[in-house]
């Protein structure tokens, strides 16, 4: 048996992904050291004001932007969105969607419909 166990840590980028925030927008000091599992759990349980503000107003990482727009991350890239967006910018895109966004949302809807069809088919086959 070991006398002292080292706490499990993760890189700041991993912690930011788990928190759903854009790491460069995090306050100074957050990305300067590894984050322990305990620290991450505390941030998730009781988010400080800066974390709540980042989650609410952004800038948001690409996966969050894609989710809010209803497209894939690849769709964002095809649409020319390569940087993080704020909530206001996302709302502007949704209010007056450019052609690429309409196309990507339609593509995403087709993919979801196909996935649902395949899942239903596989469930039917499993019951036979």
N, C-alpha and C. Protein backbone atom coordinates (compact mmCIF):
# COMPACT_ATOMS: atom_id res chain seq x y z
N UNK A 1 0.83 -1.18 0.00
CA UNK A 1 0.00 0.00 0.00
C UNK A 1 0.87 1.24 0.00
N UNK A 2 0.42 2.24 -0.71
CA UNK A 2 1.18 3.49 -0.73
C UNK A 2 0.73 4.38 0.41
N UNK A 3 1.66 5.13 0.91
CA UNK A 3 1.37 6.01 2.05
C UNK A 3 0.49 7.18 1.64
N UNK A 4 0.91 7.87 0.59
CA UNK A 4 0.15 9.04 0.14
C UNK A 4 -0.20 8.89 -1.33
N UNK A 5 -1.48 9.00 -1.63
CA UNK A 5 -1.90 8.98 -3.02
C UNK A 5 -1.89 10.39 -3.55
N UNK A 6 -1.39 10.55 -4.77
CA UNK A 6 -1.42 11.86 -5.40
C UNK A 6 -2.83 12.08 -5.94
N UNK A 7 -3.34 13.28 -5.81
CA UNK A 7 -4.67 13.53 -6.34
C UNK A 7 -4.65 13.48 -7.87
N UNK A 8 -5.74 13.01 -8.43
CA UNK A 8 -5.86 12.95 -9.88
C UNK A 8 -5.96 14.37 -10.43
N UNK A 9 -5.14 14.68 -11.42
CA UNK A 9 -5.14 16.02 -11.99
C UNK A 9 -5.39 15.95 -13.49
N UNK A 10 -5.75 17.10 -14.05
CA UNK A 10 -5.94 17.21 -15.50
C UNK A 10 -5.39 18.54 -15.96
N UNK A 11 -5.08 18.59 -17.24
CA UNK A 11 -4.58 19.83 -17.81
C UNK A 11 -5.70 20.86 -17.84
N UNK A 12 -5.36 22.13 -17.83
CA UNK A 12 -6.39 23.17 -17.88
C UNK A 12 -7.32 23.05 -19.10
N UNK A 13 -6.78 22.63 -20.24
CA UNK A 13 -7.62 22.47 -21.43
C UNK A 13 -8.69 21.40 -21.22
N UNK A 14 -8.32 20.33 -20.55
CA UNK A 14 -9.28 19.26 -20.27
C UNK A 14 -10.35 19.75 -19.29
N UNK A 15 -9.92 20.46 -18.27
CA UNK A 15 -10.87 21.00 -17.30
C UNK A 15 -11.82 21.99 -17.96
N UNK A 16 -11.29 22.85 -18.84
CA UNK A 16 -12.14 23.82 -19.55
C UNK A 16 -13.17 23.10 -20.40
N UNK A 17 -12.76 22.03 -21.06
CA UNK A 17 -13.71 21.26 -21.89
C UNK A 17 -14.80 20.65 -21.02
N UNK A 18 -14.43 20.10 -19.88
CA UNK A 18 -15.42 19.51 -18.98
C UNK A 18 -16.36 20.57 -18.40
N UNK A 19 -15.86 21.79 -18.25
CA UNK A 19 -16.68 22.89 -17.74
C UNK A 19 -17.49 23.56 -18.86
N UNK A 20 -17.15 23.28 -20.11
CA UNK A 20 -17.85 23.87 -21.24
C UNK A 20 -17.50 25.32 -21.47
N UNK A 21 -16.23 25.68 -21.20
CA UNK A 21 -15.81 27.06 -21.38
C UNK A 21 -14.65 27.14 -22.36
N UNK A 22 -14.44 28.32 -22.89
CA UNK A 22 -13.33 28.61 -23.80
C UNK A 22 -12.14 28.99 -22.94
N UNK A 23 -11.09 28.18 -22.97
CA UNK A 23 -9.95 28.37 -22.07
C UNK A 23 -9.30 29.75 -22.16
N UNK A 24 -9.06 30.32 -23.36
CA UNK A 24 -8.43 31.65 -23.38
C UNK A 24 -9.28 32.74 -22.72
N UNK A 25 -10.57 32.50 -22.56
CA UNK A 25 -11.43 33.50 -21.91
C UNK A 25 -11.48 33.34 -20.39
N UNK A 26 -10.93 32.24 -19.89
CA UNK A 26 -10.91 32.01 -18.44
C UNK A 26 -10.00 33.03 -17.77
N UNK A 27 -10.25 33.33 -16.51
CA UNK A 27 -9.42 34.34 -15.82
C UNK A 27 -7.98 33.86 -15.66
N UNK A 28 -7.11 34.84 -15.49
CA UNK A 28 -5.70 34.53 -15.25
C UNK A 28 -5.60 33.62 -14.03
N UNK A 29 -4.73 32.65 -14.12
CA UNK A 29 -4.54 31.74 -13.01
C UNK A 29 -5.24 30.41 -13.24
N UNK A 30 -6.32 30.39 -14.01
CA UNK A 30 -7.03 29.13 -14.23
C UNK A 30 -6.18 28.18 -15.09
N UNK A 31 -5.53 28.71 -16.09
CA UNK A 31 -4.74 27.88 -16.99
C UNK A 31 -3.28 27.76 -16.60
N UNK A 32 -2.92 28.25 -15.43
CA UNK A 32 -1.51 28.24 -15.03
C UNK A 32 -1.07 26.94 -14.37
N UNK A 33 -2.01 26.12 -13.93
CA UNK A 33 -1.64 24.90 -13.22
C UNK A 33 -2.65 23.80 -13.53
N UNK A 34 -2.25 22.57 -13.25
CA UNK A 34 -3.17 21.45 -13.42
C UNK A 34 -4.31 21.57 -12.42
N UNK A 35 -5.47 21.07 -12.80
CA UNK A 35 -6.66 21.13 -11.97
C UNK A 35 -6.90 19.74 -11.38
N UNK A 36 -7.14 19.69 -10.09
CA UNK A 36 -7.42 18.40 -9.47
C UNK A 36 -8.89 18.05 -9.68
N UNK A 37 -9.19 16.79 -9.54
CA UNK A 37 -10.56 16.32 -9.68
C UNK A 37 -11.44 17.00 -8.63
N UNK A 38 -10.92 17.20 -7.44
CA UNK A 38 -11.66 17.86 -6.36
C UNK A 38 -11.99 19.30 -6.74
N UNK A 39 -11.00 20.02 -7.29
CA UNK A 39 -11.24 21.40 -7.72
C UNK A 39 -12.31 21.46 -8.82
N UNK A 40 -12.23 20.52 -9.77
CA UNK A 40 -13.23 20.49 -10.85
C UNK A 40 -14.62 20.23 -10.29
N UNK A 41 -14.73 19.28 -9.38
CA UNK A 41 -16.03 18.99 -8.78
C UNK A 41 -16.59 20.18 -8.02
N UNK A 42 -15.71 20.93 -7.35
CA UNK A 42 -16.16 22.13 -6.64
C UNK A 42 -16.66 23.19 -7.63
N UNK A 43 -15.95 23.35 -8.75
CA UNK A 43 -16.37 24.31 -9.78
C UNK A 43 -17.72 23.91 -10.39
N UNK A 44 -17.92 22.61 -10.57
CA UNK A 44 -19.19 22.13 -11.12
C UNK A 44 -20.33 22.28 -10.13
N UNK A 45 -20.05 22.01 -8.86
CA UNK A 45 -21.09 22.06 -7.84
C UNK A 45 -21.50 23.50 -7.52
N UNK A 46 -20.53 24.35 -7.36
CA UNK A 46 -20.80 25.76 -7.02
C UNK A 46 -19.97 26.65 -7.91
N UNK A 47 -20.46 26.93 -9.14
CA UNK A 47 -19.66 27.74 -10.06
C UNK A 47 -19.47 29.16 -9.55
N UNK A 48 -18.23 29.66 -9.57
CA UNK A 48 -18.00 31.05 -9.19
C UNK A 48 -18.61 31.98 -10.24
N UNK A 49 -18.65 33.25 -9.93
CA UNK A 49 -19.29 34.24 -10.81
C UNK A 49 -18.65 34.25 -12.20
N UNK A 50 -17.32 34.17 -12.27
CA UNK A 50 -16.67 34.21 -13.58
C UNK A 50 -17.06 33.03 -14.45
N UNK A 51 -17.24 31.86 -13.84
CA UNK A 51 -17.62 30.66 -14.60
C UNK A 51 -19.06 30.76 -15.08
N UNK A 52 -19.94 31.22 -14.21
CA UNK A 52 -21.34 31.40 -14.61
C UNK A 52 -21.46 32.41 -15.75
N UNK A 53 -20.68 33.48 -15.66
CA UNK A 53 -20.69 34.52 -16.71
C UNK A 53 -20.18 33.97 -18.03
N UNK A 54 -19.09 33.20 -17.98
CA UNK A 54 -18.54 32.61 -19.22
C UNK A 54 -19.54 31.64 -19.85
N UNK A 55 -20.19 30.84 -19.04
CA UNK A 55 -21.17 29.89 -19.57
C UNK A 55 -22.37 30.61 -20.16
N UNK A 56 -22.75 31.72 -19.56
CA UNK A 56 -23.94 32.45 -20.00
C UNK A 56 -23.65 33.32 -21.23
N UNK A 57 -22.56 34.09 -21.19
CA UNK A 57 -22.30 35.10 -22.22
C UNK A 57 -21.21 34.73 -23.22
N UNK A 58 -20.35 33.79 -22.84
CA UNK A 58 -19.28 33.40 -23.75
C UNK A 58 -18.06 34.29 -23.61
N UNK A 59 -17.12 34.17 -24.47
CA UNK A 59 -17.13 33.39 -25.70
C UNK A 59 -17.17 31.89 -25.40
N UNK A 60 -17.84 31.17 -26.31
CA UNK A 60 -18.06 29.73 -26.15
C UNK A 60 -17.11 28.96 -27.06
N UNK A 61 -16.68 27.76 -26.62
CA UNK A 61 -15.86 26.93 -27.49
C UNK A 61 -16.68 26.43 -28.68
N UNK A 62 -15.99 25.96 -29.68
CA UNK A 62 -16.66 25.57 -30.94
C UNK A 62 -17.73 24.51 -30.76
N UNK A 63 -17.50 23.52 -29.89
CA UNK A 63 -18.51 22.48 -29.72
C UNK A 63 -19.80 23.05 -29.11
N UNK A 64 -19.67 24.01 -28.23
CA UNK A 64 -20.85 24.65 -27.64
C UNK A 64 -21.54 25.52 -28.68
N UNK A 65 -20.75 26.25 -29.48
CA UNK A 65 -21.33 27.08 -30.55
C UNK A 65 -22.10 26.20 -31.52
N UNK A 66 -21.50 25.09 -31.92
CA UNK A 66 -22.16 24.17 -32.86
C UNK A 66 -23.47 23.65 -32.27
N UNK A 67 -23.45 23.29 -31.01
CA UNK A 67 -24.65 22.78 -30.35
C UNK A 67 -25.75 23.85 -30.31
N UNK A 68 -25.37 25.07 -29.96
CA UNK A 68 -26.36 26.16 -29.87
C UNK A 68 -26.94 26.51 -31.24
N UNK A 69 -26.13 26.35 -32.30
CA UNK A 69 -26.61 26.65 -33.65
C UNK A 69 -27.31 25.46 -34.29
N UNK A 70 -27.19 24.28 -33.70
CA UNK A 70 -27.84 23.10 -34.24
C UNK A 70 -27.13 22.52 -35.44
N UNK A 71 -25.79 22.65 -35.45
CA UNK A 71 -24.98 22.11 -36.54
C UNK A 71 -23.83 21.32 -35.95
N UNK A 72 -23.05 20.69 -36.82
CA UNK A 72 -21.86 19.98 -36.36
C UNK A 72 -20.67 20.94 -36.32
N UNK A 73 -19.61 20.52 -35.65
CA UNK A 73 -18.40 21.32 -35.61
C UNK A 73 -17.82 21.43 -37.03
N UNK A 74 -17.94 20.36 -37.81
CA UNK A 74 -17.50 20.41 -39.21
C UNK A 74 -18.32 21.41 -40.00
N UNK A 75 -19.61 21.49 -39.69
CA UNK A 75 -20.47 22.46 -40.36
C UNK A 75 -20.05 23.88 -40.06
N UNK A 76 -19.61 24.12 -38.83
CA UNK A 76 -19.08 25.44 -38.49
C UNK A 76 -17.88 25.78 -39.37
N UNK A 77 -16.98 24.82 -39.50
CA UNK A 77 -15.79 25.05 -40.31
C UNK A 77 -16.16 25.31 -41.77
N UNK A 78 -17.11 24.54 -42.28
CA UNK A 78 -17.55 24.77 -43.66
C UNK A 78 -18.19 26.14 -43.81
N UNK A 79 -18.81 26.64 -42.76
CA UNK A 79 -19.43 27.96 -42.78
C UNK A 79 -18.45 29.09 -42.53
N UNK A 80 -17.19 28.75 -42.26
CA UNK A 80 -16.17 29.77 -42.05
C UNK A 80 -16.04 30.26 -40.62
N UNK A 81 -16.70 29.59 -39.68
CA UNK A 81 -16.61 29.97 -38.26
C UNK A 81 -15.46 29.18 -37.65
N UNK A 82 -14.38 29.87 -37.38
CA UNK A 82 -13.20 29.20 -36.83
C UNK A 82 -12.85 29.69 -35.44
N UNK A 83 -13.47 30.76 -34.99
CA UNK A 83 -13.17 31.32 -33.67
C UNK A 83 -14.36 31.12 -32.74
N UNK A 84 -14.12 31.37 -31.47
CA UNK A 84 -15.18 31.28 -30.48
C UNK A 84 -16.16 32.43 -30.69
N UNK A 85 -17.44 32.17 -30.39
CA UNK A 85 -18.47 33.19 -30.52
C UNK A 85 -19.13 33.45 -29.17
N UNK A 86 -19.61 34.66 -29.00
CA UNK A 86 -20.35 35.01 -27.79
C UNK A 86 -21.82 34.64 -27.97
N UNK A 87 -22.56 34.66 -26.90
CA UNK A 87 -23.99 34.38 -26.95
C UNK A 87 -24.70 35.38 -27.86
N UNK A 88 -24.31 36.64 -27.80
CA UNK A 88 -24.93 37.67 -28.65
C UNK A 88 -24.68 37.38 -30.12
N UNK A 89 -23.47 36.96 -30.47
CA UNK A 89 -23.17 36.63 -31.87
C UNK A 89 -23.97 35.42 -32.34
N UNK A 90 -24.14 34.45 -31.45
CA UNK A 90 -24.93 33.27 -31.80
C UNK A 90 -26.39 33.67 -32.02
N UNK A 91 -26.92 34.51 -31.14
CA UNK A 91 -28.30 34.97 -31.30
C UNK A 91 -28.48 35.74 -32.60
N UNK A 92 -27.49 36.55 -32.97
CA UNK A 92 -27.55 37.28 -34.24
C UNK A 92 -27.60 36.32 -35.43
N UNK A 93 -26.78 35.27 -35.38
CA UNK A 93 -26.79 34.28 -36.46
C UNK A 93 -28.13 33.56 -36.55
N UNK A 94 -28.71 33.25 -35.39
CA UNK A 94 -30.00 32.56 -35.39
C UNK A 94 -31.14 33.47 -35.84
N UNK A 95 -31.03 34.76 -35.53
CA UNK A 95 -32.08 35.71 -35.90
C UNK A 95 -32.12 35.93 -37.42
N UNK A 96 -30.96 36.00 -38.03
CA UNK A 96 -30.87 36.19 -39.48
C UNK A 96 -29.87 35.17 -40.02
N UNK A 97 -30.31 33.91 -40.16
CA UNK A 97 -29.35 32.85 -40.53
C UNK A 97 -28.82 33.02 -41.96
N UNK A 98 -27.50 32.96 -42.10
CA UNK A 98 -26.92 32.99 -43.43
C UNK A 98 -27.21 31.68 -44.16
N UNK A 99 -26.98 31.66 -45.45
CA UNK A 99 -27.30 30.48 -46.26
C UNK A 99 -26.58 29.23 -45.77
N UNK A 100 -25.31 29.37 -45.38
CA UNK A 100 -24.56 28.20 -44.93
C UNK A 100 -25.18 27.59 -43.68
N UNK A 101 -25.73 28.43 -42.78
CA UNK A 101 -26.32 27.93 -41.55
C UNK A 101 -27.61 27.17 -41.84
N UNK A 102 -28.43 27.70 -42.73
CA UNK A 102 -29.66 27.01 -43.13
C UNK A 102 -29.33 25.64 -43.71
N UNK A 103 -28.33 25.60 -44.59
CA UNK A 103 -27.92 24.35 -45.24
C UNK A 103 -27.38 23.35 -44.21
N UNK A 104 -26.53 23.82 -43.31
CA UNK A 104 -25.94 22.93 -42.31
C UNK A 104 -26.97 22.41 -41.32
N UNK A 105 -27.94 23.24 -40.96
CA UNK A 105 -29.00 22.78 -40.06
C UNK A 105 -29.85 21.71 -40.74
N UNK A 106 -30.11 21.88 -42.04
CA UNK A 106 -30.86 20.87 -42.79
C UNK A 106 -30.07 19.56 -42.87
N UNK A 107 -28.78 19.67 -43.11
CA UNK A 107 -27.92 18.49 -43.15
C UNK A 107 -27.93 17.78 -41.81
N UNK A 108 -27.82 18.54 -40.73
CA UNK A 108 -27.83 17.96 -39.39
C UNK A 108 -29.16 17.27 -39.10
N UNK A 109 -30.26 17.85 -39.54
CA UNK A 109 -31.58 17.24 -39.35
C UNK A 109 -31.66 15.92 -40.11
N UNK A 110 -31.11 15.88 -41.32
CA UNK A 110 -31.10 14.63 -42.09
C UNK A 110 -30.28 13.55 -41.39
N UNK A 111 -29.14 13.94 -40.84
CA UNK A 111 -28.28 12.99 -40.14
C UNK A 111 -29.00 12.43 -38.91
N UNK A 112 -29.66 13.30 -38.16
CA UNK A 112 -30.40 12.84 -36.97
C UNK A 112 -31.54 11.91 -37.36
N UNK A 113 -32.25 12.23 -38.44
CA UNK A 113 -33.35 11.38 -38.90
C UNK A 113 -32.83 10.01 -39.33
N UNK A 114 -31.72 9.98 -40.03
CA UNK A 114 -31.12 8.72 -40.46
C UNK A 114 -30.66 7.91 -39.26
N UNK A 115 -30.04 8.56 -38.28
CA UNK A 115 -29.61 7.85 -37.07
C UNK A 115 -30.80 7.26 -36.32
N UNK A 116 -31.91 7.99 -36.26
CA UNK A 116 -33.12 7.49 -35.60
C UNK A 116 -33.68 6.29 -36.37
N UNK A 117 -33.65 6.36 -37.70
CA UNK A 117 -34.16 5.26 -38.52
C UNK A 117 -33.31 4.00 -38.29
N UNK A 118 -32.00 4.15 -38.28
CA UNK A 118 -31.11 3.01 -38.08
C UNK A 118 -31.29 2.43 -36.68
N UNK A 119 -31.44 3.29 -35.70
CA UNK A 119 -31.64 2.82 -34.33
C UNK A 119 -32.95 2.03 -34.21
N UNK A 120 -34.01 2.53 -34.82
CA UNK A 120 -35.30 1.83 -34.79
C UNK A 120 -35.19 0.48 -35.52
N UNK A 121 -34.51 0.46 -36.66
CA UNK A 121 -34.32 -0.77 -37.41
C UNK A 121 -33.54 -1.79 -36.58
N UNK A 122 -32.50 -1.34 -35.92
CA UNK A 122 -31.69 -2.26 -35.11
C UNK A 122 -32.47 -2.77 -33.91
N UNK A 123 -33.31 -1.92 -33.32
CA UNK A 123 -34.14 -2.36 -32.20
C UNK A 123 -35.16 -3.40 -32.66
N UNK A 124 -35.71 -3.19 -33.85
CA UNK A 124 -36.68 -4.16 -34.40
C UNK A 124 -35.99 -5.49 -34.66
N UNK A 125 -34.80 -5.45 -35.21
CA UNK A 125 -34.05 -6.68 -35.47
C UNK A 125 -33.71 -7.40 -34.18
N UNK A 126 -33.42 -6.66 -33.13
CA UNK A 126 -33.06 -7.25 -31.85
C UNK A 126 -34.24 -7.98 -31.21
N UNK A 127 -35.45 -7.51 -31.48
CA UNK A 127 -36.64 -8.14 -30.88
C UNK A 127 -37.03 -9.43 -31.61
N UNK A 128 -36.53 -9.65 -32.81
CA UNK A 128 -36.86 -10.88 -33.56
C UNK A 128 -36.19 -12.08 -33.01
